[in-house]
Amino acid sequence: MLVTYDGIVIGRREIGENSCFIDILTDEQGIVEATAHGAKKINSNLLSSASLFSYSTFCLNKNKLRYTVNSAKPKFGFHELGSDIEKLALASYFAQAVKYCTPSEQVQSENACDSLVRFFAIALFEILHAGENGRSLNAVKSAFELRYSAMLGFAPNLVACDNCGQYECERGMYFLPRKALLLCKDCLNPGYGGLFPETLYAMRCATFSPLERCFKFTIGGGAEKQLSSITEDYFLYRTERSFTALEYYKGLIKGDQL
């Protein structure tokens, strides 16, 4: 049986000299593992489409529980990510996160507004162009972590203070990641600092904006560090695991700061 899906290659494992297994992120079937025969041959029509982070239309032959790539038509390539080790590491973290959290053989979204494939493609595009548009890789990372948490059903309450309903508080707002909610300083006086206004704005933008706008904020300095720490802690807590690609990315960023 032949099936056709638009998808992005988020994982690849080599088989012998010429073939490979690829993990394809799709909206219709979640993660699909397919065999790409001859994909490593220089004259193969699958050479580009079977590459990591390739966004293509895949025609797959399904035989029982196995898929084989029959043909593929590239839609967009993110191969330039390989020329920057930090961007590649961050994209690999996103791929690990999506692979871990996305089940196989289950519909992920039924409309473009909630498309996981579209969201992942936008995230890769933002990584690719980070620095050119005034946004850092850490800002892209934070937006991904928070928006993907929301897509998984872990959207935090960022609308207003969970206790009194204030949208903003002159004295400051606090985010409690373990409880996934906001409290204003009038309702809570913990021993740590509250959110920068820029941090709260970025969190709301990443969570509530349409997919094409959820990365479209600028932030820097202490607010960016605060945002990165909050979203990473929140995402790892909700997914209940760590990611090797994230640790590698953080090691690269830390090395640049020395």
Protein backbone atom coordinates (compact mmCIF):
# COMPACT_ATOMS: atom_id res chain seq x y z
CA MET A 1 0.00 0.00 0.00
CA LEU A 2 1.34 3.42 -0.97
CA VAL A 3 0.85 6.42 1.33
CA THR A 4 2.03 10.01 0.92
CA TYR A 5 3.03 12.34 3.76
CA ASP A 6 4.75 15.69 4.07
CA GLY A 7 7.44 15.28 6.71
CA ILE A 8 10.84 16.22 8.07
CA VAL A 9 13.69 13.77 8.65
CA ILE A 10 14.58 14.03 12.34
CA GLY A 11 16.79 10.95 12.61
CA ARG A 12 18.95 8.78 10.40
CA ARG A 13 20.78 5.49 10.91
CA GLU A 14 23.07 3.95 8.32
CA ILE A 15 22.51 0.45 6.86
CA GLY A 16 25.47 -1.02 5.06
CA GLU A 17 27.12 0.96 2.30
CA ASN A 18 24.18 2.47 0.43
CA SER A 19 20.99 2.50 2.53
CA CYS A 20 19.67 3.97 5.77
CA PHE A 21 16.75 4.09 8.16
CA ILE A 22 15.15 7.52 8.49
CA ASP A 23 12.74 8.81 11.12
CA ILE A 24 10.18 11.08 9.49
CA LEU A 25 8.06 13.49 11.51
CA THR A 26 4.54 13.64 10.04
CA ASP A 27 1.24 15.12 11.13
CA GLU A 28 -0.74 12.09 9.97
CA GLN A 29 1.25 9.29 11.63
CA GLY A 30 3.61 10.91 14.13
CA ILE A 31 7.09 9.42 13.78
CA VAL A 32 7.42 7.05 10.82
CA GLU A 33 10.54 4.89 10.51
CA ALA A 34 11.24 4.07 6.87
CA THR A 35 13.98 2.30 4.96
CA ALA A 36 15.59 4.38 2.21
CA HIS A 37 17.29 1.88 -0.09
CA GLY A 38 20.26 3.25 -2.00
CA ALA A 39 19.86 6.70 -0.45
CA LYS A 40 23.63 7.10 0.01
CA LYS A 41 24.46 6.55 -3.65
CA ILE A 42 25.68 9.71 -5.34
CA ASN A 43 23.14 9.31 -8.16
CA SER A 44 20.19 8.39 -5.92
CA ASN A 45 17.03 10.48 -6.20
CA LEU A 46 16.69 10.04 -2.42
CA LEU A 47 20.11 11.51 -1.61
CA SER A 48 18.73 14.93 -0.66
CA SER A 49 15.36 13.89 0.76
CA ALA A 50 16.84 11.28 3.11
CA SER A 51 19.27 13.76 4.64
CA LEU A 52 18.84 14.92 8.22
CA PHE A 53 16.39 17.85 8.51
CA SER A 54 15.18 17.48 4.93
CA TYR A 55 11.56 18.64 4.52
CA SER A 56 9.98 16.59 1.72
CA THR A 57 6.86 14.94 0.40
CA PHE A 58 7.45 11.22 0.92
CA CYS A 59 5.70 8.45 -0.97
CA LEU A 60 6.03 5.38 1.23
CA ASN A 61 5.29 1.74 0.60
CA LYS A 62 3.71 0.25 3.73
CA ASN A 63 4.09 -3.49 4.20
CA LYS A 64 2.58 -4.67 7.49
CA LEU A 65 4.43 -2.57 10.10
CA ARG A 66 7.34 -1.52 7.88
CA TYR A 67 7.72 1.46 5.59
CA THR A 68 10.00 1.81 2.60
CA VAL A 69 10.63 5.08 0.77
CA ASN A 70 9.28 4.69 -2.77
CA SER A 71 10.02 8.26 -3.83
CA ALA A 72 10.43 11.71 -2.34
CA LYS A 73 10.14 15.28 -3.56
CA PRO A 74 12.11 17.89 -1.57
CA LYS A 75 10.14 20.90 -0.33
CA PHE A 76 12.88 22.68 1.66
CA GLY A 77 16.35 21.77 2.84
CA PHE A 78 18.02 22.81 6.07
CA HIS A 79 21.39 21.33 5.14
CA GLU A 80 23.16 24.64 5.89
CA LEU A 81 22.68 23.89 9.57
CA GLY A 82 25.62 21.51 9.23
CA SER A 83 28.00 24.41 8.62
CA ASP A 84 27.50 25.83 12.14
CA ILE A 85 28.11 23.42 15.02
CA GLU A 86 26.02 25.41 17.52
CA LYS A 87 23.02 25.62 15.19
CA LEU A 88 23.33 21.93 14.35
CA ALA A 89 23.48 21.05 18.07
CA LEU A 90 20.34 23.08 18.82
CA ALA A 91 18.48 21.54 15.87
CA SER A 92 19.53 18.10 17.12
CA TYR A 93 18.11 18.92 20.55
CA PHE A 94 14.79 19.87 18.97
CA ALA A 95 14.83 16.62 16.97
CA GLN A 96 15.54 14.54 20.09
CA ALA A 97 12.75 16.28 21.97
CA VAL A 98 10.21 15.73 19.19
CA LYS A 99 11.29 12.11 18.64
CA TYR A 100 10.92 11.33 22.34
CA CYS A 101 7.56 13.07 22.79
CA THR A 102 5.84 12.14 19.51
CA PRO A 103 4.28 8.65 19.30
CA SER A 104 4.23 6.54 16.16
CA GLU A 105 1.07 5.68 14.22
CA GLN A 106 -0.96 8.48 15.85
CA VAL A 107 -2.43 11.60 14.25
CA GLN A 108 -0.65 14.70 15.57
CA SER A 109 -2.74 17.46 14.03
CA GLU A 110 -5.59 17.81 11.59
CA ASN A 111 -5.15 21.43 10.51
CA ALA A 112 -2.30 23.76 9.59
CA CYS A 113 -2.79 25.91 12.68
CA ASP A 114 -1.68 23.05 14.92
CA SER A 115 0.73 21.33 12.52
CA LEU A 116 3.71 19.87 14.36
CA VAL A 117 5.59 19.49 11.08
CA ARG A 118 5.02 23.16 10.26
CA PHE A 119 6.08 24.20 13.75
CA PHE A 120 9.27 22.14 13.53
CA ALA A 121 10.06 23.60 10.09
CA ILE A 122 9.59 27.13 11.44
CA ALA A 123 11.87 26.30 14.39
CA LEU A 124 14.61 25.04 12.04
CA PHE A 125 14.22 28.16 9.89
CA GLU A 126 14.61 30.36 12.97
CA ILE A 127 17.75 28.48 14.00
CA LEU A 128 19.17 28.84 10.51
CA HIS A 129 18.66 32.61 10.52
CA ALA A 130 19.42 33.32 14.18
CA GLY A 131 21.66 36.34 14.53
CA GLU A 132 20.46 37.85 11.27
CA ASN A 133 17.10 38.90 12.69
CA GLY A 134 18.13 40.15 16.13
CA ARG A 135 17.21 36.89 17.86
CA SER A 136 19.78 34.66 19.50
CA LEU A 137 19.87 30.87 19.47
CA ASN A 138 18.92 30.86 23.15
CA ALA A 139 15.80 32.90 22.39
CA VAL A 140 14.82 30.41 19.66
CA LYS A 141 15.46 27.56 22.11
CA SER A 142 13.21 29.15 24.73
CA ALA A 143 10.37 29.75 22.29
CA PHE A 144 10.55 26.15 21.11
CA GLU A 145 10.54 24.73 24.63
CA LEU A 146 7.57 26.76 25.77
CA ARG A 147 5.45 26.43 22.63
CA TYR A 148 6.17 22.71 22.27
CA SER A 149 5.22 22.22 25.92
CA ALA A 150 1.89 23.87 25.12
CA MET A 151 1.42 21.66 22.05
CA LEU A 152 1.98 18.61 24.24
CA GLY A 153 -0.78 19.76 26.57
CA PHE A 154 1.46 21.39 29.17
CA ALA A 155 0.58 25.04 28.50
CA PRO A 156 1.28 27.13 31.61
CA ASN A 157 -1.13 29.76 32.89
CA LEU A 158 0.52 32.95 31.64
CA VAL A 159 -2.65 35.00 31.23
CA ALA A 160 -2.83 36.52 34.70
CA CYS A 161 -2.06 36.01 38.37
CA ASP A 162 -3.59 32.68 39.34
CA ASN A 163 -4.71 34.11 42.68
CA CYS A 164 -6.09 37.60 42.01
CA GLY A 165 -6.37 37.73 38.21
CA GLN A 166 -4.04 40.70 37.61
CA TYR A 167 -2.65 40.73 34.05
CA GLU A 168 0.28 42.88 35.13
CA CYS A 169 1.56 44.01 38.51
CA GLU A 170 3.70 47.09 39.04
CA ARG A 171 5.59 45.27 41.77
CA GLY A 172 6.36 42.34 39.49
CA MET A 173 5.15 38.87 38.49
CA TYR A 174 6.51 35.43 39.38
CA PHE A 175 6.37 32.21 37.39
CA LEU A 176 6.18 28.93 39.31
CA PRO A 177 7.38 26.26 36.83
CA ARG A 178 6.40 23.27 38.95
CA LYS A 179 2.82 24.56 39.23
CA ALA A 180 2.79 26.09 35.72
CA LEU A 181 1.26 29.38 36.82
CA LEU A 182 1.84 33.07 37.43
CA LEU A 183 1.53 34.89 40.73
CA CYS A 184 1.87 38.63 41.21
CA LYS A 185 4.10 40.09 43.89
CA ASP A 186 1.04 41.27 45.78
CA CYS A 187 0.11 37.60 46.26
CA LEU A 188 3.57 36.12 46.70
CA ASN A 189 6.84 37.36 48.17
CA PRO A 190 9.42 34.62 47.63
CA GLY A 191 13.11 35.04 48.25
CA TYR A 192 14.04 35.11 44.56
CA GLY A 193 13.66 37.81 41.96
CA GLY A 194 10.53 38.18 39.86
CA LEU A 195 10.17 38.08 36.10
CA PHE A 196 11.54 40.85 33.94
CA PRO A 197 8.68 42.40 31.92
CA GLU A 198 10.53 41.35 28.75
CA THR A 199 10.63 37.75 29.98
CA LEU A 200 6.90 37.61 30.60
CA TYR A 201 6.18 39.21 27.21
CA ALA A 202 8.39 36.63 25.46
CA MET A 203 6.73 33.75 27.31
CA ARG A 204 3.27 34.97 26.34
CA CYS A 205 4.36 35.49 22.74
CA ALA A 206 5.81 31.97 22.48
CA THR A 207 2.73 30.38 24.07
CA PHE A 208 -0.21 32.28 22.60
CA SER A 209 0.88 33.66 19.20
CA PRO A 210 0.10 31.88 15.91
CA LEU A 211 2.82 29.40 14.93
CA GLU A 212 4.43 31.78 12.45
CA ARG A 213 4.71 34.48 15.16
CA CYS A 214 5.69 32.48 18.24
CA PHE A 215 9.42 33.09 17.69
CA LYS A 216 8.99 36.76 16.75
CA PHE A 217 10.23 38.52 19.85
CA THR A 218 13.53 40.12 20.77
CA ILE A 219 15.10 39.80 24.18
CA GLY A 220 18.58 40.17 25.61
CA GLY A 221 20.73 40.62 28.67
CA GLY A 222 19.45 39.40 32.00
CA ALA A 223 15.95 38.85 30.66
CA GLU A 224 17.23 36.42 28.01
CA LYS A 225 19.19 34.45 30.61
CA GLN A 226 16.15 34.34 32.86
CA LEU A 227 13.92 33.20 30.00
CA SER A 228 16.34 30.46 28.94
CA SER A 229 16.60 29.11 32.46
CA ILE A 230 12.83 29.14 33.05
CA THR A 231 11.77 27.50 29.79
CA GLU A 232 14.45 24.82 29.92
CA ASP A 233 13.59 23.93 33.50
CA TYR A 234 9.89 23.86 32.65
CA PHE A 235 10.28 21.69 29.54
CA LEU A 236 12.61 19.16 31.16
CA TYR A 237 10.36 18.92 34.20
CA ARG A 238 7.26 18.29 32.07
CA THR A 239 8.92 15.75 29.76
CA GLU A 240 10.65 14.05 32.73
CA ARG A 241 13.96 13.48 31.02
CA SER A 242 17.24 15.00 29.84
CA PHE A 243 18.62 15.27 26.31
CA THR A 244 22.23 14.62 25.33
CA ALA A 245 22.04 17.10 22.45
CA LEU A 246 20.93 19.83 24.87
CA GLU A 247 23.93 19.20 27.12
CA TYR A 248 26.22 19.29 24.09
CA TYR A 249 24.67 22.56 22.90
CA LYS A 250 25.04 24.13 26.35
CA GLY A 251 28.68 23.04 26.45
CA LEU A 252 29.30 24.78 23.12
CA ILE A 253 27.58 27.99 24.25
CA LYS A 254 29.47 27.97 27.55
CA GLY A 255 32.75 27.50 25.68
CA ASP A 256 32.02 30.58 23.55
CA GLN A 257 31.48 32.65 26.69
CA LEU A 258 34.85 31.75 28.24
